[in-house]
C-alpha atoms as a PDB file:
ATOM      1  CA  MET A   1     -22.752 -11.600  21.456  1.00  0.00           C
ATOM      2  CA  GLU A   2     -19.512 -13.509  21.373  1.00  0.00           C
ATOM      3  CA  GLN A   3     -16.748 -12.342  19.055  1.00  0.00           C
ATOM      4  CA  THR A   4     -13.988 -14.319  17.413  1.00  0.00           C
ATOM      5  CA  TYR A   5     -10.722 -12.386  17.670  1.00  0.00           C
ATOM      6  CA  LEU A   6      -8.114 -13.067  15.026  1.00  0.00           C
ATOM      7  CA  THR A   7      -4.501 -11.951  14.546  1.00  0.00           C
ATOM      8  CA  THR A   8      -3.462 -10.616  11.165  1.00  0.00           C
ATOM      9  CA  ASP A   9      -1.995 -14.002  10.220  1.00  0.00           C
ATOM     10  CA  GLU A  10      -5.206 -15.866  11.182  1.00  0.00           C
ATOM     11  CA  LEU A  11      -7.343 -13.400   9.225  1.00  0.00           C
ATOM     12  CA  ALA A  12      -5.076 -13.748   6.211  1.00  0.00           C
ATOM     13  CA  ALA A  13      -5.493 -17.491   6.290  1.00  0.00           C
ATOM     14  CA  ARG A  14      -9.326 -17.225   6.525  1.00  0.00           C
ATOM     15  CA  ILE A  15      -9.817 -14.727   3.706  1.00  0.00           C
ATOM     16  CA  LYS A  16      -6.931 -15.922   1.518  1.00  0.00           C
ATOM     17  CA  TYR A  17      -5.173 -12.575   1.431  1.00  0.00           C
ATOM     18  CA  ASP A  18      -1.517 -11.891   2.043  1.00  0.00           C
ATOM     19  CA  VAL A  19      -0.710 -10.486   5.494  1.00  0.00           C
ATOM     20  CA  ARG A  20       1.040  -7.567   3.865  1.00  0.00           C
ATOM     21  CA  THR A  21      -2.095  -6.708   1.821  1.00  0.00           C
ATOM     22  CA  ILE A  22      -4.208  -6.648   4.947  1.00  0.00           C
ATOM     23  CA  ARG A  23      -1.759  -4.356   6.777  1.00  0.00           C
ATOM     24  CA  GLU A  24      -1.023  -1.993   3.876  1.00  0.00           C
ATOM     25  CA  ARG A  25      -4.147  -1.871   1.733  1.00  0.00           C
ATOM     26  CA  LEU A  26      -7.190  -3.063   3.710  1.00  0.00           C
ATOM     27  CA  LYS A  27      -6.528  -1.808   7.209  1.00  0.00           C
ATOM     28  CA  ASP A  28      -7.979   1.691   7.733  1.00  0.00           C
ATOM     29  CA  SER A  29      -9.566   1.797   4.273  1.00  0.00           C
ATOM     30  CA  VAL A  30     -11.842  -1.287   4.200  1.00  0.00           C
ATOM     31  CA  LEU A  31     -11.204  -2.625   7.709  1.00  0.00           C
ATOM     32  CA  LEU A  32     -11.951   0.075  10.176  1.00  0.00           C
ATOM     33  CA  GLU A  33     -10.794   0.405  13.806  1.00  0.00           C
ATOM     34  CA  GLY A  34     -13.717  -0.091  16.181  1.00  0.00           C
ATOM     35  CA  THR A  35     -15.766  -1.935  13.575  1.00  0.00           C
ATOM     36  CA  HIS A  36     -13.435  -4.570  12.112  1.00  0.00           C
ATOM     37  CA  TYR A  37     -10.520  -4.488  14.549  1.00  0.00           C
ATOM     38  CA  VAL A  38      -9.561  -3.384  18.031  1.00  0.00           C
ATOM     39  CA  ARG A  39      -6.352  -2.570  19.945  1.00  0.00           C
ATOM     40  CA  PRO A  40      -6.844  -4.341  23.273  1.00  0.00           C
ATOM     41  CA  PHE A  41      -5.897  -2.319  26.337  1.00  0.00           C
ATOM     42  CA  GLY A  42      -4.713   0.610  24.129  1.00  0.00           C
ATOM     43  CA  GLY A  43      -1.705  -1.345  22.951  1.00  0.00           C
ATOM     44  CA  ARG A  44      -0.078  -1.876  19.534  1.00  0.00           C
ATOM     45  CA  LYS A  45      -1.428  -5.368  18.976  1.00  0.00           C
ATOM     46  CA  ILE A  46      -4.382  -5.541  16.559  1.00  0.00           C
ATOM     47  CA  LEU A  47      -7.129  -8.182  16.872  1.00  0.00           C
ATOM     48  CA  TYR A  48      -9.658  -8.482  14.021  1.00  0.00           C
ATOM     49  CA  LEU A  49     -13.328  -9.130  14.771  1.00  0.00           C
ATOM     50  CA  TRP A  50     -14.260 -12.014  12.434  1.00  0.00           C
ATOM     51  CA  GLU A  51     -18.063 -11.792  12.630  1.00  0.00           C
ATOM     52  CA  ASN A  52     -18.033  -8.101  11.604  1.00  0.00           C
ATOM     53  CA  ILE A  53     -15.641  -8.718   8.733  1.00  0.00           C
ATOM     54  CA  GLU A  54     -17.594 -11.704   7.517  1.00  0.00           C
ATOM     55  CA  ARG A  55     -20.875  -9.733   7.685  1.00  0.00           C
ATOM     56  CA  ASP A  56     -19.424  -6.837   5.707  1.00  0.00           C
ATOM     57  CA  MET A  57     -17.831  -9.145   3.088  1.00  0.00           C
ATOM     58  CA  HIS A  58     -21.266 -10.650   2.435  1.00  0.00           C
ATOM     59  CA  ARG A  59     -22.863  -7.221   2.281  1.00  0.00           C
ATOM     60  CA  ALA A  60     -20.248  -5.964  -0.168  1.00  0.00           C
ATOM     61  CA  ALA A  61     -20.754  -8.996  -2.400  1.00  0.00           C
ATOM     62  CA  GLY A  62     -24.443  -7.979  -2.870  1.00  0.00           C
ATOM     63  CA  ILE A  63     -23.841  -4.312  -3.589  1.00  0.00           C
ATOM     64  CA  ASP A  64     -24.583  -2.815  -6.982  1.00  0.00           C
ATOM     65  CA  ARG A  65     -21.339  -2.686  -8.995  1.00  0.00           C
ATOM     66  CA  LEU A  66     -22.018   1.089  -9.724  1.00  0.00           C
ATOM     67  CA  ALA A  67     -22.154   1.758  -5.975  1.00  0.00           C
ATOM     68  CA  ILE A  68     -19.206   3.538  -4.376  1.00  0.00           C
ATOM     69  CA  PRO A  69     -18.436   2.350  -0.833  1.00  0.00           C
ATOM     70  CA  MET A  70     -17.881   5.134   1.726  1.00  0.00           C
ATOM     71  CA  ALA A  71     -15.651   5.043   4.833  1.00  0.00           C
ATOM     72  CA  ASN A  72     -18.613   5.045   7.235  1.00  0.00           C
ATOM     73  CA  GLY A  73     -20.025   1.906   5.657  1.00  0.00           C
ATOM     74  CA  ALA A  74     -22.666   3.663   3.548  1.00  0.00           C
ATOM     75  CA  VAL A  75     -22.831   3.517  -0.246  1.00  0.00           C
ATOM     76  CA  ALA A  76     -23.025   6.330  -2.794  1.00  0.00           C
ATOM     77  CA  HIS A  77     -24.802   5.250  -5.958  1.00  0.00           C
ATOM     78  CA  GLY A  78     -23.126   6.386  -9.182  1.00  0.00           C
END
Protein backbone atom coordinates (compact mmCIF):
# COMPACT_ATOMS: atom_id res chain seq x y z
CA MET A 1 0.00 0.00 0.00
CA GLU A 2 1.37 3.36 -0.98
CA GLN A 3 1.28 6.17 1.57
CA THR A 4 1.09 9.91 1.03
CA TYR A 5 3.48 11.65 3.39
CA LEU A 6 2.65 15.23 4.37
CA THR A 7 4.48 17.89 6.34
CA THR A 8 2.57 19.73 9.06
CA ASP A 9 1.99 22.66 6.69
CA GLU A 10 0.63 20.37 3.96
CA LEU A 11 -1.66 18.57 6.42
CA ALA A 12 -2.93 21.91 7.76
CA ALA A 13 -3.87 22.99 4.23
CA ARG A 14 -5.74 19.73 3.57
CA ILE A 15 -7.79 19.61 6.76
CA LYS A 16 -8.19 23.39 7.15
CA TYR A 17 -6.59 23.54 10.60
CA ASP A 18 -3.92 25.94 11.78
CA VAL A 19 -0.42 24.44 11.93
CA ARG A 20 -0.17 25.44 15.58
CA THR A 21 -3.41 23.58 16.40
CA ILE A 22 -2.04 20.42 14.81
CA ARG A 23 1.23 20.66 16.74
CA GLU A 24 -0.23 21.66 20.11
CA ARG A 25 -3.68 20.07 20.29
CA LEU A 26 -3.98 17.19 17.81
CA LYS A 27 -0.51 15.63 17.78
CA ASP A 28 -0.22 12.90 20.40
CA SER A 29 -3.87 13.16 21.45
CA VAL A 30 -5.79 12.54 18.22
CA LEU A 31 -2.91 12.02 15.80
CA LEU A 32 -0.76 9.22 17.16
CA GLU A 33 2.85 8.36 16.34
CA GLY A 34 3.08 5.15 14.35
CA THR A 35 -0.53 5.40 13.21
CA HIS A 36 -0.94 8.94 11.91
CA TYR A 37 2.64 10.14 11.72
CA VAL A 38 6.21 8.90 11.63
CA ARG A 39 9.64 10.31 12.35
CA PRO A 40 11.75 9.07 9.41
CA PHE A 41 15.15 7.67 10.31
CA GLY A 42 14.61 8.49 14.00
CA GLY A 43 14.95 12.20 13.37
CA ARG A 44 13.00 15.22 14.56
CA LYS A 45 11.08 15.76 11.31
CA ILE A 46 7.47 14.57 11.37
CA LEU A 47 5.65 13.25 8.32
CA TYR A 48 1.91 12.63 8.52
CA LEU A 49 0.32 9.60 6.84
CA TRP A 50 -2.59 11.06 4.89
CA GLU A 51 -4.51 7.84 4.18
CA ASN A 52 -4.60 6.89 7.89
CA ILE A 53 -5.70 10.37 8.94
CA GLU A 54 -8.41 10.48 6.27
CA ARG A 55 -9.66 7.01 7.28
CA ASP A 56 -9.92 7.95 10.94
CA MET A 57 -11.59 11.31 10.20
CA HIS A 58 -14.30 9.45 8.31
CA ARG A 59 -14.67 6.90 11.10
CA ALA A 60 -14.94 9.62 13.75
CA ALA A 61 -17.63 11.39 11.73
CA GLY A 62 -19.85 8.30 11.98
CA ILE A 63 -19.36 7.63 15.70
CA ASP A 64 -22.23 8.02 18.13
CA ARG A 65 -22.05 11.44 19.81
CA LEU A 66 -22.23 9.76 23.23
CA ALA A 67 -19.13 7.72 22.45
CA ILE A 68 -15.84 8.65 24.10
CA PRO A 69 -12.78 8.13 21.87
CA MET A 70 -9.88 6.32 23.51
CA ALA A 71 -6.15 6.75 22.77
CA ASN A 72 -5.85 3.27 21.23
CA GLY A 73 -8.56 4.08 18.67
CA ALA A 74 -11.35 2.23 20.47
CA VAL A 75 -14.54 3.89 21.68
CA ALA A 76 -16.14 3.81 25.13
CA HIS A 77 -19.92 4.22 24.97
CA GLY A 78 -21.37 6.59 27.58
